[in-house]
Amino acid sequence: MSRLYNQRQKDADEAHRIQVKAGFLGGAQWTAFGIGATTLGHVYSPFFRKQTLPLKVFLVTITAVFGFTLSADHALLGFETRRRIEEAAVRKEARMELAKRGLVPTETEISKWREANGK
């Protein structure tokens, strides 16, 4: 049971690391986009030029938060998909081997098979 807990903790730490990295990169990219769009709006639009500085900063902040959230979520979903595919492959291998031995592949048997094969 502790091996499973350690694996889940390792996966959670890896997911957190991936999410933070992607979030910062996405936030930086979308912040640059927000600054660029606000600058272009200020230079080319008399209506936008009349708007207050706090509104313009708010628009840049919203784009940054959007980029941070979207990028972090996308990276986490990708990680979860990869882990799910890996887990399904291991479980399929366990079921096949257990069936060859004539055992019913229950959760207990799959857990014993994992321990025996180090997976």
PDB file of N, CA and C in Angstrom:
ATOM      1  N   MET A   1       0.822  -1.195   0.000  1.00  0.00           N
ATOM      2  CA  MET A   1       0.000   0.000   0.000  1.00  0.00           C
ATOM      3  C   MET A   1       0.863   1.255   0.000  1.00  0.00           C
ATOM      4  N   SER A   2       1.981   1.235   0.677  1.00  0.00           N
ATOM      5  CA  SER A   2       2.827   2.428   0.738  1.00  0.00           C
ATOM      6  C   SER A   2       3.476   2.706  -0.619  1.00  0.00           C
ATOM      7  N   ARG A   3       3.742   1.628  -1.421  1.00  0.00           N
ATOM      8  CA  ARG A   3       4.321   1.836  -2.739  1.00  0.00           C
ATOM      9  C   ARG A   3       3.335   2.582  -3.639  1.00  0.00           C
ATOM     10  N   LEU A   4       2.057   2.209  -3.540  1.00  0.00           N
ATOM     11  CA  LEU A   4       1.020   2.881  -4.314  1.00  0.00           C
ATOM     12  C   LEU A   4       0.888   4.335  -3.864  1.00  0.00           C
ATOM     13  N   TYR A   5       0.934   4.556  -2.552  1.00  0.00           N
ATOM     14  CA  TYR A   5       0.862   5.920  -2.031  1.00  0.00           C
ATOM     15  C   TYR A   5       2.056   6.739  -2.516  1.00  0.00           C
ATOM     16  N   ASN A   6       3.247   6.162  -2.473  1.00  0.00           N
ATOM     17  CA  ASN A   6       4.441   6.878  -2.935  1.00  0.00           C
ATOM     18  C   ASN A   6       4.342   7.217  -4.414  1.00  0.00           C
ATOM     19  N   GLN A   7       3.815   6.278  -5.210  1.00  0.00           N
ATOM     20  CA  GLN A   7       3.663   6.540  -6.645  1.00  0.00           C
ATOM     21  C   GLN A   7       2.671   7.668  -6.889  1.00  0.00           C
ATOM     22  N   ARG A   8       1.573   7.648  -6.150  1.00  0.00           N
ATOM     23  CA  ARG A   8       0.576   8.713  -6.311  1.00  0.00           C
ATOM     24  C   ARG A   8       1.132  10.065  -5.867  1.00  0.00           C
ATOM     25  N   GLN A   9       1.918  10.070  -4.809  1.00  0.00           N
ATOM     26  CA  GLN A   9       2.523  11.314  -4.338  1.00  0.00           C
ATOM     27  C   GLN A   9       3.524  11.833  -5.370  1.00  0.00           C
ATOM     28  N   LYS A  10       4.295  10.908  -5.953  1.00  0.00           N
ATOM     29  CA  LYS A  10       5.256  11.290  -6.992  1.00  0.00           C
ATOM     30  C   LYS A  10       4.525  11.863  -8.206  1.00  0.00           C
ATOM     31  N   ASP A  11       3.411  11.243  -8.596  1.00  0.00           N
ATOM     32  CA  ASP A  11       2.612  11.739  -9.712  1.00  0.00           C
ATOM     33  C   ASP A  11       2.029  13.121  -9.402  1.00  0.00           C
ATOM     34  N   ALA A  12       1.562  13.308  -8.182  1.00  0.00           N
ATOM     35  CA  ALA A  12       1.006  14.607  -7.796  1.00  0.00           C
ATOM     36  C   ALA A  12       2.078  15.689  -7.829  1.00  0.00           C
ATOM     37  N   ASP A  13       3.268  15.370  -7.350  1.00  0.00           N
ATOM     38  CA  ASP A  13       4.365  16.340  -7.388  1.00  0.00           C
ATOM     39  C   ASP A  13       4.763  16.678  -8.821  1.00  0.00           C
ATOM     40  N   GLU A  14       4.812  15.659  -9.671  1.00  0.00           N
ATOM     41  CA  GLU A  14       5.144  15.873 -11.077  1.00  0.00           C
ATOM     42  C   GLU A  14       4.069  16.715 -11.765  1.00  0.00           C
ATOM     43  N   ALA A  15       2.800  16.428 -11.483  1.00  0.00           N
ATOM     44  CA  ALA A  15       1.698  17.199 -12.060  1.00  0.00           C
ATOM     45  C   ALA A  15       1.775  18.657 -11.619  1.00  0.00           C
ATOM     46  N   HIS A  16       2.096  18.877 -10.358  1.00  0.00           N
ATOM     47  CA  HIS A  16       2.221  20.245  -9.846  1.00  0.00           C
ATOM     48  C   HIS A  16       3.370  20.975 -10.538  1.00  0.00           C
ATOM     49  N   ARG A  17       4.497  20.307 -10.690  1.00  0.00           N
ATOM     50  CA  ARG A  17       5.652  20.925 -11.347  1.00  0.00           C
ATOM     51  C   ARG A  17       5.317  21.289 -12.796  1.00  0.00           C
ATOM     52  N   ILE A  18       4.683  20.372 -13.507  1.00  0.00           N
ATOM     53  CA  ILE A  18       4.311  20.617 -14.905  1.00  0.00           C
ATOM     54  C   ILE A  18       3.322  21.779 -14.996  1.00  0.00           C
ATOM     55  N   GLN A  19       2.359  21.792 -14.102  1.00  0.00           N
ATOM     56  CA  GLN A  19       1.333  22.824 -14.118  1.00  0.00           C
ATOM     57  C   GLN A  19       1.912  24.205 -13.829  1.00  0.00           C
ATOM     58  N   VAL A  20       2.810  24.295 -12.865  1.00  0.00           N
ATOM     59  CA  VAL A  20       3.408  25.581 -12.524  1.00  0.00           C
ATOM     60  C   VAL A  20       4.265  26.098 -13.677  1.00  0.00           C
ATOM     61  N   LYS A  21       5.072  25.213 -14.253  1.00  0.00           N
ATOM     62  CA  LYS A  21       5.933  25.622 -15.366  1.00  0.00           C
ATOM     63  C   LYS A  21       5.111  26.114 -16.554  1.00  0.00           C
ATOM     64  N   ALA A  22       4.100  25.338 -16.938  1.00  0.00           N
ATOM     65  CA  ALA A  22       3.263  25.727 -18.071  1.00  0.00           C
ATOM     66  C   ALA A  22       2.477  26.998 -17.757  1.00  0.00           C
ATOM     67  N   GLY A  23       2.030  27.130 -16.521  1.00  0.00           N
ATOM     68  CA  GLY A  23       1.288  28.326 -16.135  1.00  0.00           C
ATOM     69  C   GLY A  23       2.121  29.583 -16.252  1.00  0.00           C
ATOM     70  N   PHE A  24       3.349  29.527 -15.775  1.00  0.00           N
ATOM     71  CA  PHE A  24       4.213  30.702 -15.871  1.00  0.00           C
ATOM     72  C   PHE A  24       4.544  31.045 -17.318  1.00  0.00           C
ATOM     73  N   LEU A  25       4.821  30.034 -18.131  1.00  0.00           N
ATOM     74  CA  LEU A  25       5.120  30.303 -19.536  1.00  0.00           C
ATOM     75  C   LEU A  25       3.899  30.888 -20.254  1.00  0.00           C
ATOM     76  N   GLY A  26       2.742  30.273 -20.048  1.00  0.00           N
ATOM     77  CA  GLY A  26       1.521  30.782 -20.669  1.00  0.00           C
ATOM     78  C   GLY A  26       1.153  32.168 -20.166  1.00  0.00           C
ATOM     79  N   GLY A  27       1.328  32.392 -18.869  1.00  0.00           N
ATOM     80  CA  GLY A  27       1.047  33.710 -18.309  1.00  0.00           C
ATOM     81  C   GLY A  27       1.947  34.782 -18.898  1.00  0.00           C
ATOM     82  N   ALA A  28       3.225  34.446 -19.078  1.00  0.00           N
ATOM     83  CA  ALA A  28       4.162  35.410 -19.671  1.00  0.00           C
ATOM     84  C   ALA A  28       3.797  35.712 -21.122  1.00  0.00           C
ATOM     85  N   GLN A  29       3.456  34.680 -21.875  1.00  0.00           N
ATOM     86  CA  GLN A  29       3.086  34.892 -23.280  1.00  0.00           C
ATOM     87  C   GLN A  29       1.827  35.746 -23.401  1.00  0.00           C
ATOM     88  N   TRP A  30       0.818  35.433 -22.612  1.00  0.00           N
ATOM     89  CA  TRP A  30      -0.424  36.184 -22.704  1.00  0.00           C
ATOM     90  C   TRP A  30      -0.292  37.582 -22.105  1.00  0.00           C
ATOM     91  N   THR A  31       0.611  37.767 -21.150  1.00  0.00           N
ATOM     92  CA  THR A  31       0.869  39.116 -20.646  1.00  0.00           C
ATOM     93  C   THR A  31       1.476  39.965 -21.750  1.00  0.00           C
ATOM     94  N   ALA A  32       2.425  39.394 -22.478  1.00  0.00           N
ATOM     95  CA  ALA A  32       3.034  40.118 -23.598  1.00  0.00           C
ATOM     96  C   ALA A  32       1.978  40.457 -24.646  1.00  0.00           C
ATOM     97  N   PHE A  33       1.085  39.512 -24.921  1.00  0.00           N
ATOM     98  CA  PHE A  33       0.005  39.774 -25.870  1.00  0.00           C
ATOM     99  C   PHE A  33      -0.885  40.906 -25.364  1.00  0.00           C
ATOM    100  N   GLY A  34      -1.235  40.871 -24.087  1.00  0.00           N
ATOM    101  CA  GLY A  34      -2.091  41.911 -23.508  1.00  0.00           C
ATOM    102  C   GLY A  34      -1.452  43.280 -23.558  1.00  0.00           C
ATOM    103  N   ILE A  35      -0.152  43.340 -23.258  1.00  0.00           N
ATOM    104  CA  ILE A  35       0.558  44.617 -23.318  1.00  0.00           C
ATOM    105  C   ILE A  35       0.601  45.124 -24.752  1.00  0.00           C
ATOM    106  N   GLY A  36       0.889  44.209 -25.682  1.00  0.00           N
ATOM    107  CA  GLY A  36       0.934  44.606 -27.091  1.00  0.00           C
ATOM    108  C   GLY A  36      -0.415  45.095 -27.589  1.00  0.00           C
ATOM    109  N   ALA A  37      -1.478  44.377 -27.263  1.00  0.00           N
ATOM    110  CA  ALA A  37      -2.817  44.776 -27.706  1.00  0.00           C
ATOM    111  C   ALA A  37      -3.226  46.109 -27.078  1.00  0.00           C
ATOM    112  N   THR A  38      -2.909  46.289 -25.815  1.00  0.00           N
ATOM    113  CA  THR A  38      -3.239  47.549 -25.144  1.00  0.00           C
ATOM    114  C   THR A  38      -2.453  48.705 -25.743  1.00  0.00           C
ATOM    115  N   THR A  39      -1.196  48.468 -26.048  1.00  0.00           N
ATOM    116  CA  THR A  39      -0.369  49.505 -26.668  1.00  0.00           C
ATOM    117  C   THR A  39      -0.916  49.875 -28.043  1.00  0.00           C
ATOM    118  N   LEU A  40      -1.249  48.866 -28.845  1.00  0.00           N
ATOM    119  CA  LEU A  40      -1.818  49.141 -30.164  1.00  0.00           C
ATOM    120  C   LEU A  40      -3.148  49.883 -30.043  1.00  0.00           C
ATOM    121  N   GLY A  41      -3.969  49.473 -29.093  1.00  0.00           N
ATOM    122  CA  GLY A  41      -5.235  50.164 -28.873  1.00  0.00           C
ATOM    123  C   GLY A  41      -5.021  51.608 -28.476  1.00  0.00           C
ATOM    124  N   HIS A  42      -4.029  51.863 -27.642  1.00  0.00           N
ATOM    125  CA  HIS A  42      -3.734  53.222 -27.200  1.00  0.00           C
ATOM    126  C   HIS A  42      -3.218  54.079 -28.359  1.00  0.00           C
ATOM    127  N   VAL A  43      -2.377  53.499 -29.198  1.00  0.00           N
ATOM    128  CA  VAL A  43      -1.779  54.260 -30.299  1.00  0.00           C
ATOM    129  C   VAL A  43      -2.797  54.540 -31.404  1.00  0.00           C
ATOM    130  N   TYR A  44      -3.627  53.545 -31.747  1.00  0.00           N
ATOM    131  CA  TYR A  44      -4.475  53.661 -32.929  1.00  0.00           C
ATOM    132  C   TYR A  44      -5.940  54.002 -32.667  1.00  0.00           C
ATOM    133  N   SER A  45      -6.403  53.928 -31.428  1.00  0.00           N
ATOM    134  CA  SER A  45      -7.822  54.168 -31.168  1.00  0.00           C
ATOM    135  C   SER A  45      -8.005  55.369 -30.238  1.00  0.00           C
ATOM    136  N   PRO A  46      -8.622  56.428 -30.749  1.00  0.00           N
ATOM    137  CA  PRO A  46      -8.879  57.589 -29.879  1.00  0.00           C
ATOM    138  C   PRO A  46      -9.818  57.234 -28.716  1.00  0.00           C
ATOM    139  N   PHE A  47     -10.761  56.331 -28.947  1.00  0.00           N
ATOM    140  CA  PHE A  47     -11.663  55.911 -27.871  1.00  0.00           C
ATOM    141  C   PHE A  47     -10.886  55.191 -26.770  1.00  0.00           C
ATOM    142  N   PHE A  48     -10.009  54.284 -27.163  1.00  0.00           N
ATOM    143  CA  PHE A  48      -9.237  53.524 -26.174  1.00  0.00           C
ATOM    144  C   PHE A  48      -8.240  54.429 -25.452  1.00  0.00           C
ATOM    145  N   ARG A  49      -7.695  55.414 -26.155  1.00  0.00           N
ATOM    146  CA  ARG A  49      -6.731  56.338 -25.558  1.00  0.00           C
ATOM    147  C   ARG A  49      -7.371  57.123 -24.414  1.00  0.00           C
ATOM    148  N   LYS A  50      -8.678  57.378 -24.510  1.00  0.00           N
ATOM    149  CA  LYS A  50      -9.382  58.148 -23.476  1.00  0.00           C
ATOM    150  C   LYS A  50      -9.645  57.331 -22.211  1.00  0.00           C
ATOM    151  N   GLN A  51      -9.483  56.024 -22.281  1.00  0.00           N
ATOM    152  CA  GLN A  51      -9.765  55.173 -21.131  1.00  0.00           C
ATOM    153  C   GLN A  51      -8.695  55.372 -20.052  1.00  0.00           C
ATOM    154  N   THR A  52      -9.062  55.043 -18.825  1.00  0.00           N
ATOM    155  CA  THR A  52      -8.149  55.266 -17.702  1.00  0.00           C
ATOM    156  C   THR A  52      -7.053  54.194 -17.663  1.00  0.00           C
ATOM    157  N   LEU A  53      -5.973  54.542 -17.003  1.00  0.00           N
ATOM    158  CA  LEU A  53      -4.874  53.602 -16.837  1.00  0.00           C
ATOM    159  C   LEU A  53      -5.306  52.349 -16.067  1.00  0.00           C
ATOM    160  N   PRO A  54      -6.087  52.467 -14.990  1.00  0.00           N
ATOM    161  CA  PRO A  54      -6.522  51.244 -14.293  1.00  0.00           C
ATOM    162  C   PRO A  54      -7.300  50.280 -15.192  1.00  0.00           C
ATOM    163  N   LEU A  55      -8.107  50.782 -16.108  1.00  0.00           N
ATOM    164  CA  LEU A  55      -8.834  49.904 -17.018  1.00  0.00           C
ATOM    165  C   LEU A  55      -7.856  49.168 -17.936  1.00  0.00           C
ATOM    166  N   LYS A  56      -6.872  49.881 -18.435  1.00  0.00           N
ATOM    167  CA  LYS A  56      -5.889  49.264 -19.336  1.00  0.00           C
ATOM    168  C   LYS A  56      -5.068  48.212 -18.593  1.00  0.00           C
ATOM    169  N   VAL A  57      -4.694  48.509 -17.369  1.00  0.00           N
ATOM    170  CA  VAL A  57      -3.962  47.535 -16.556  1.00  0.00           C
ATOM    171  C   VAL A  57      -4.842  46.329 -16.258  1.00  0.00           C
ATOM    172  N   PHE A  58      -6.120  46.567 -16.003  1.00  0.00           N
ATOM    173  CA  PHE A  58      -7.062  45.477 -15.769  1.00  0.00           C
ATOM    174  C   PHE A  58      -7.139  44.558 -16.987  1.00  0.00           C
ATOM    175  N   LEU A  59      -7.190  45.112 -18.184  1.00  0.00           N
ATOM    176  CA  LEU A  59      -7.247  44.305 -19.400  1.00  0.00           C
ATOM    177  C   LEU A  59      -5.990  43.458 -19.567  1.00  0.00           C
ATOM    178  N   VAL A  60      -4.834  44.035 -19.261  1.00  0.00           N
ATOM    179  CA  VAL A  60      -3.583  43.262 -19.338  1.00  0.00           C
ATOM    180  C   VAL A  60      -3.588  42.159 -18.289  1.00  0.00           C
ATOM    181  N   THR A  61      -4.046  42.468 -17.091  1.00  0.00           N
ATOM    182  CA  THR A  61      -4.094  41.476 -16.016  1.00  0.00           C
ATOM    183  C   THR A  61      -5.037  40.324 -16.368  1.00  0.00           C
ATOM    184  N   ILE A  62      -6.175  40.653 -16.949  1.00  0.00           N
ATOM    185  CA  ILE A  62      -7.130  39.611 -17.337  1.00  0.00           C
ATOM    186  C   ILE A  62      -6.517  38.684 -18.378  1.00  0.00           C
ATOM    187  N   THR A  63      -5.802  39.231 -19.356  1.00  0.00           N
ATOM    188  CA  THR A  63      -5.169  38.366 -20.357  1.00  0.00           C
ATOM    189  C   THR A  63      -4.094  37.498 -19.721  1.00  0.00           C
ATOM    190  N   ALA A  64      -3.359  38.050 -18.762  1.00  0.00           N
ATOM    191  CA  ALA A  64      -2.323  37.262 -18.081  1.00  0.00           C
ATOM    192  C   ALA A  64      -2.933  36.113 -17.287  1.00  0.00           C
ATOM    193  N   VAL A  65      -3.987  36.384 -16.549  1.00  0.00           N
ATOM    194  CA  VAL A  65      -4.651  35.344 -15.761  1.00  0.00           C
ATOM    195  C   VAL A  65      -5.258  34.286 -16.681  1.00  0.00           C
ATOM    196  N   PHE A  66      -5.850  34.723 -17.786  1.00  0.00           N
ATOM    197  CA  PHE A  66      -6.406  33.787 -18.764  1.00  0.00           C
ATOM    198  C   PHE A  66      -5.310  32.862 -19.297  1.00  0.00           C
ATOM    199  N   GLY A  67      -4.181  33.426 -19.677  1.00  0.00           N
ATOM    200  CA  GLY A  67      -3.073  32.622 -20.203  1.00  0.00           C
ATOM    201  C   GLY A  67      -2.514  31.671 -19.165  1.00  0.00           C
ATOM    202  N   PHE A  68      -2.359  32.153 -17.949  1.00  0.00           N
ATOM    203  CA  PHE A  68      -1.846  31.314 -16.867  1.00  0.00           C
ATOM    204  C   PHE A  68      -2.767  30.114 -16.643  1.00  0.00           C
ATOM    205  N   THR A  69      -4.060  30.382 -16.518  1.00  0.00           N
ATOM    206  CA  THR A  69      -5.029  29.331 -16.229  1.00  0.00           C
ATOM    207  C   THR A  69      -5.154  28.348 -17.384  1.00  0.00           C
ATOM    208  N   LEU A  70      -5.286  28.866 -18.588  1.00  0.00           N
ATOM    209  CA  LEU A  70      -5.474  28.006 -19.752  1.00  0.00           C
ATOM    210  C   LEU A  70      -4.255  27.113 -19.980  1.00  0.00           C
ATOM    211  N   SER A  71      -3.069  27.661 -19.881  1.00  0.00           N
ATOM    212  CA  SER A  71      -1.853  26.879 -20.115  1.00  0.00           C
ATOM    213  C   SER A  71      -1.645  25.821 -19.035  1.00  0.00           C
ATOM    214  N   ALA A  72      -1.860  26.192 -17.789  1.00  0.00           N
ATOM    215  CA  ALA A  72      -1.687  25.235 -16.695  1.00  0.00           C
ATOM    216  C   ALA A  72      -2.694  24.090 -16.815  1.00  0.00           C
ATOM    217  N   ASP A  73      -3.928  24.414 -17.139  1.00  0.00           N
ATOM    218  CA  ASP A  73      -4.953  23.384 -17.268  1.00  0.00           C
ATOM    219  C   ASP A  73      -4.659  22.461 -18.445  1.00  0.00           C
ATOM    220  N   HIS A  74      -4.241  23.026 -19.556  1.00  0.00           N
ATOM    221  CA  HIS A  74      -3.918  22.219 -20.733  1.00  0.00           C
ATOM    222  C   HIS A  74      -2.756  21.258 -20.443  1.00  0.00           C
ATOM    223  N   ALA A  75      -1.738  21.745 -19.762  1.00  0.00           N
ATOM    224  CA  ALA A  75      -0.591  20.898 -19.421  1.00  0.00           C
ATOM    225  C   ALA A  75      -1.006  19.783 -18.458  1.00  0.00           C
ATOM    226  N   LEU A  76      -1.844  20.099 -17.486  1.00  0.00           N
ATOM    227  CA  LEU A  76      -2.306  19.088 -16.531  1.00  0.00           C
ATOM    228  C   LEU A  76      -3.151  18.023 -17.226  1.00  0.00           C
ATOM    229  N   LEU A  77      -4.018  18.426 -18.122  1.00  0.00           N
ATOM    230  CA  LEU A  77      -4.834  17.458 -18.852  1.00  0.00           C
ATOM    231  C   LEU A  77      -3.961  16.535 -19.702  1.00  0.00           C
ATOM    232  N   GLY A  78      -2.919  17.087 -20.302  1.00  0.00           N
ATOM    233  CA  GLY A  78      -1.989  16.258 -21.072  1.00  0.00           C
ATOM    234  C   GLY A  78      -1.275  15.245 -20.200  1.00  0.00           C
ATOM    235  N   PHE A  79      -0.830  15.683 -19.031  1.00  0.00           N
ATOM    236  CA  PHE A  79      -0.152  14.777 -18.093  1.00  0.00           C
ATOM    237  C   PHE A  79      -1.092  13.662 -17.642  1.00  0.00           C
ATOM    238  N   GLU A  80      -2.333  14.031 -17.290  1.00  0.00           N
ATOM    239  CA  GLU A  80      -3.298  13.026 -16.848  1.00  0.00           C
ATOM    240  C   GLU A  80      -3.602  12.016 -17.953  1.00  0.00           C
ATOM    241  N   THR A  81      -3.683  12.479 -19.179  1.00  0.00           N
ATOM    242  CA  THR A  81      -3.941  11.581 -20.304  1.00  0.00           C
ATOM    243  C   THR A  81      -2.796  10.591 -20.473  1.00  0.00           C
ATOM    244  N   ARG A  82      -1.559  11.097 -20.418  1.00  0.00           N
ATOM    245  CA  ARG A  82      -0.400  10.201 -20.542  1.00  0.00           C
ATOM    246  C   ARG A  82      -0.372   9.169 -19.425  1.00  0.00           C
ATOM    247  N   ARG A  83      -0.637   9.587 -18.189  1.00  0.00           N
ATOM    248  CA  ARG A  83      -0.636   8.654 -17.052  1.00  0.00           C
ATOM    249  C   ARG A  83      -1.752   7.611 -17.199  1.00  0.00           C
ATOM    250  N   ARG A  84      -2.915   8.036 -17.670  1.00  0.00           N
ATOM    251  CA  ARG A  84      -4.026   7.114 -17.849  1.00  0.00           C
ATOM    252  C   ARG A  84      -3.684   6.062 -18.903  1.00  0.00           C
ATOM    253  N   ILE A  85      -3.040   6.469 -19.982  1.00  0.00           N
ATOM    254  CA  ILE A  85      -2.641   5.527 -21.031  1.00  0.00           C
ATOM    255  C   ILE A  85      -1.609   4.536 -20.495  1.00  0.00           C
ATOM    256  N   GLU A  86      -0.615   5.050 -19.726  1.00  0.00           N
ATOM    257  CA  GLU A  86       0.393   4.164 -19.134  1.00  0.00           C
ATOM    258  C   GLU A  86      -0.247   3.165 -18.177  1.00  0.00           C
ATOM    259  N   GLU A  87      -1.158   3.644 -17.349  1.00  0.00           N
ATOM    260  CA  GLU A  87      -1.828   2.785 -16.367  1.00  0.00           C
ATOM    261  C   GLU A  87      -2.664   1.718 -17.068  1.00  0.00           C
ATOM    262  N   ALA A  88      -3.351   2.104 -18.138  1.00  0.00           N
ATOM    263  CA  ALA A  88      -4.167   1.140 -18.878  1.00  0.00           C
ATOM    264  C   ALA A  88      -3.290   0.058 -19.508  1.00  0.00           C
ATOM    265  N   ALA A  89      -2.104   0.434 -19.987  1.00  0.00           N
ATOM    266  CA  ALA A  89      -1.205  -0.554 -20.592  1.00  0.00           C
ATOM    267  C   ALA A  89      -0.705  -1.556 -19.546  1.00  0.00           C
ATOM    268  N   VAL A  90      -0.351  -1.060 -18.370  1.00  0.00           N
ATOM    269  CA  VAL A  90       0.120  -1.948 -17.304  1.00  0.00           C
ATOM    270  C   VAL A  90      -1.001  -2.880 -16.869  1.00  0.00           C
ATOM    271  N   ARG A  91      -2.202  -2.347 -16.708  1.00  0.00           N
ATOM    272  CA  ARG A  91      -3.336  -3.172 -16.282  1.00  0.00           C
ATOM    273  C   ARG A  91      -3.680  -4.217 -17.343  1.00  0.00           C
ATOM    274  N   LYS A  92      -3.576  -3.852 -18.605  1.00  0.00           N
ATOM    275  CA  LYS A  92      -3.848  -4.805 -19.677  1.00  0.00           C
ATOM    276  C   LYS A  92      -2.830  -5.942 -19.655  1.00  0.00           C
ATOM    277  N   GLU A  93      -1.555  -5.575 -19.468  1.00  0.00           N
ATOM    278  CA  GLU A  93      -0.508  -6.594 -19.375  1.00  0.00           C
ATOM    279  C   GLU A  93      -0.760  -7.523 -18.191  1.00  0.00           C
ATOM    280  N   ALA A  94      -1.138  -6.962 -17.053  1.00  0.00           N
ATOM    281  CA  ALA A  94      -1.419  -7.767 -15.860  1.00  0.00           C
ATOM    282  C   ALA A  94      -2.599  -8.700 -16.105  1.00  0.00           C
ATOM    283  N   ARG A  95      -3.662  -8.185 -16.708  1.00  0.00           N
ATOM    284  CA  ARG A  95      -4.828  -9.031 -16.976  1.00  0.00           C
ATOM    285  C   ARG A  95      -4.471 -10.189 -17.900  1.00  0.00           C
ATOM    286  N   MET A  96      -3.655  -9.905 -18.924  1.00  0.00           N
ATOM    287  CA  MET A  96      -3.276 -10.959 -19.871  1.00  0.00           C
ATOM    288  C   MET A  96      -2.452 -12.048 -19.179  1.00  0.00           C
ATOM    289  N   GLU A  97      -1.475 -11.633 -18.385  1.00  0.00           N
ATOM    290  CA  GLU A  97      -0.630 -12.618 -17.697  1.00  0.00           C
ATOM    291  C   GLU A  97      -1.421 -13.426 -16.678  1.00  0.00           C
ATOM    292  N   LEU A  98      -2.279 -12.750 -15.934  1.00  0.00           N
ATOM    293  CA  LEU A  98      -3.089 -13.465 -14.946  1.00  0.00           C
ATOM    294  C   LEU A  98      -4.052 -14.435 -15.620  1.00  0.00           C
ATOM    295  N   ALA A  99      -4.604 -14.044 -16.745  1.00  0.00           N
ATOM    296  CA  ALA A  99      -5.515 -14.938 -17.472  1.00  0.00           C
ATOM    297  C   ALA A  99      -4.756 -16.152 -18.007  1.00  0.00           C
ATOM    298  N   LYS A 100      -3.513 -15.963 -18.432  1.00  0.00           N
ATOM    299  CA  LYS A 100      -2.713 -17.091 -18.913  1.00  0.00           C
ATOM    300  C   LYS A 100      -2.448 -18.099 -17.801  1.00  0.00           C
ATOM    301  N   ARG A 101      -2.330 -17.593 -16.568  1.00  0.00           N
ATOM    302  CA  ARG A 101      -2.104 -18.470 -15.415  1.00  0.00           C
ATOM    303  C   ARG A 101      -3.410 -19.112 -14.926  1.00  0.00           C
ATOM    304  N   GLY A 102      -4.531 -18.658 -15.470  1.00  0.00           N
ATOM    305  CA  GLY A 102      -5.817 -19.206 -15.044  1.00  0.00           C
ATOM    306  C   GLY A 102      -6.411 -18.490 -13.851  1.00  0.00           C
ATOM    307  N   LEU A 103      -5.921 -17.307 -13.539  1.00  0.00           N
ATOM    308  CA  LEU A 103      -6.447 -16.533 -12.412  1.00  0.00           C
ATOM    309  C   LEU A 103      -7.405 -15.460 -12.913  1.00  0.00           C
ATOM    310  N   VAL A 104      -8.373 -15.127 -12.095  1.00  0.00           N
ATOM    311  CA  VAL A 104      -9.293 -14.043 -12.408  1.00  0.00           C
ATOM    312  C   VAL A 104      -8.582 -12.738 -12.049  1.00  0.00           C
ATOM    313  N   PRO A 105      -8.487 -11.795 -12.994  1.00  0.00           N
ATOM    314  CA  PRO A 105      -7.736 -10.557 -12.728  1.00  0.00           C
ATOM    315  C   PRO A 105      -8.521  -9.562 -11.864  1.00  0.00           C
ATOM    316  N   THR A 106      -8.631  -9.846 -10.589  1.00  0.00           N
ATOM    317  CA  THR A 106      -9.277  -8.922  -9.656  1.00  0.00           C
ATOM    318  C   THR A 106      -8.268  -7.844  -9.266  1.00  0.00           C
ATOM    319  N   GLU A 107      -8.743  -6.846  -8.569  1.00  0.00           N
ATOM    320  CA  GLU A 107      -7.848  -5.764  -8.127  1.00  0.00           C
ATOM    321  C   GLU A 107      -6.741  -6.298  -7.224  1.00  0.00           C
ATOM    322  N   THR A 108      -7.092  -7.246  -6.371  1.00  0.00           N
ATOM    323  CA  THR A 108      -6.098  -7.834  -5.470  1.00  0.00           C
ATOM    324  C   THR A 108      -5.029  -8.572  -6.259  1.00  0.00           C
ATOM    325  N   GLU A 109      -5.455  -9.356  -7.236  1.00  0.00           N
ATOM    326  CA  GLU A 109      -4.486 -10.103  -8.050  1.00  0.00           C
ATOM    327  C   GLU A 109      -3.617  -9.166  -8.884  1.00  0.00           C
ATOM    328  N   ILE A 110      -4.214  -8.116  -9.395  1.00  0.00           N
ATOM    329  CA  ILE A 110      -3.429  -7.143 -10.178  1.00  0.00           C
ATOM    330  C   ILE A 110      -2.410  -6.460  -9.275  1.00  0.00           C
ATOM    331  N   SER A 111      -2.800  -6.130  -8.052  1.00  0.00           N
ATOM    332  CA  SER A 111      -1.861  -5.517  -7.100  1.00  0.00           C
ATOM    333  C   SER A 111      -0.706  -6.460  -6.777  1.00  0.00           C
ATOM    334  N   LYS A 112      -1.016  -7.737  -6.556  1.00  0.00           N
ATOM    335  CA  LYS A 112       0.038  -8.728  -6.292  1.00  0.00           C
ATOM    336  C   LYS A 112       0.956  -8.863  -7.505  1.00  0.00           C
ATOM    337  N   TRP A 113       0.372  -8.865  -8.700  1.00  0.00           N
ATOM    338  CA  TRP A 113       1.165  -8.968  -9.923  1.00  0.00           C
ATOM    339  C   TRP A 113       2.094  -7.761 -10.070  1.00  0.00           C
ATOM    340  N   ARG A 114       1.577  -6.569  -9.750  1.00  0.00           N
ATOM    341  CA  ARG A 114       2.407  -5.353  -9.813  1.00  0.00           C
ATOM    342  C   ARG A 114       3.608  -5.455  -8.874  1.00  0.00           C
ATOM    343  N   GLU A 115       3.356  -5.882  -7.653  1.00  0.00           N
ATOM    344  CA  GLU A 115       4.448  -6.023  -6.679  1.00  0.00           C
ATOM    345  C   GLU A 115       5.471  -7.037  -7.133  1.00  0.00           C
ATOM    346  N   ALA A 116       4.995  -8.143  -7.700  1.00  0.00           N
ATOM    347  CA  ALA A 116       5.899  -9.199  -8.151  1.00  0.00           C
ATOM    348  C   ALA A 116       6.741  -8.754  -9.352  1.00  0.00           C
ATOM    349  N   ASN A 117       6.158  -7.912 -10.213  1.00  0.00           N
ATOM    350  CA  ASN A 117       6.853  -7.485 -11.424  1.00  0.00           C
ATOM    351  C   ASN A 117       7.439  -6.078 -11.324  1.00  0.00           C
ATOM    352  N   GLY A 118       7.243  -5.424 -10.193  1.00  0.00           N
ATOM    353  CA  GLY A 118       7.836  -4.101  -9.987  1.00  0.00           C
ATOM    354  C   GLY A 118       7.232  -3.010 -10.863  1.00  0.00           C
ATOM    355  N   LYS A 119       5.942  -3.090 -11.115  1.00  0.00           N
ATOM    356  CA  LYS A 119       5.306  -2.074 -11.972  1.00  0.00           C
ATOM    357  C   LYS A 119       4.282  -1.296 -11.213  1.00  0.00           C
TER     358      LYS A 119
END
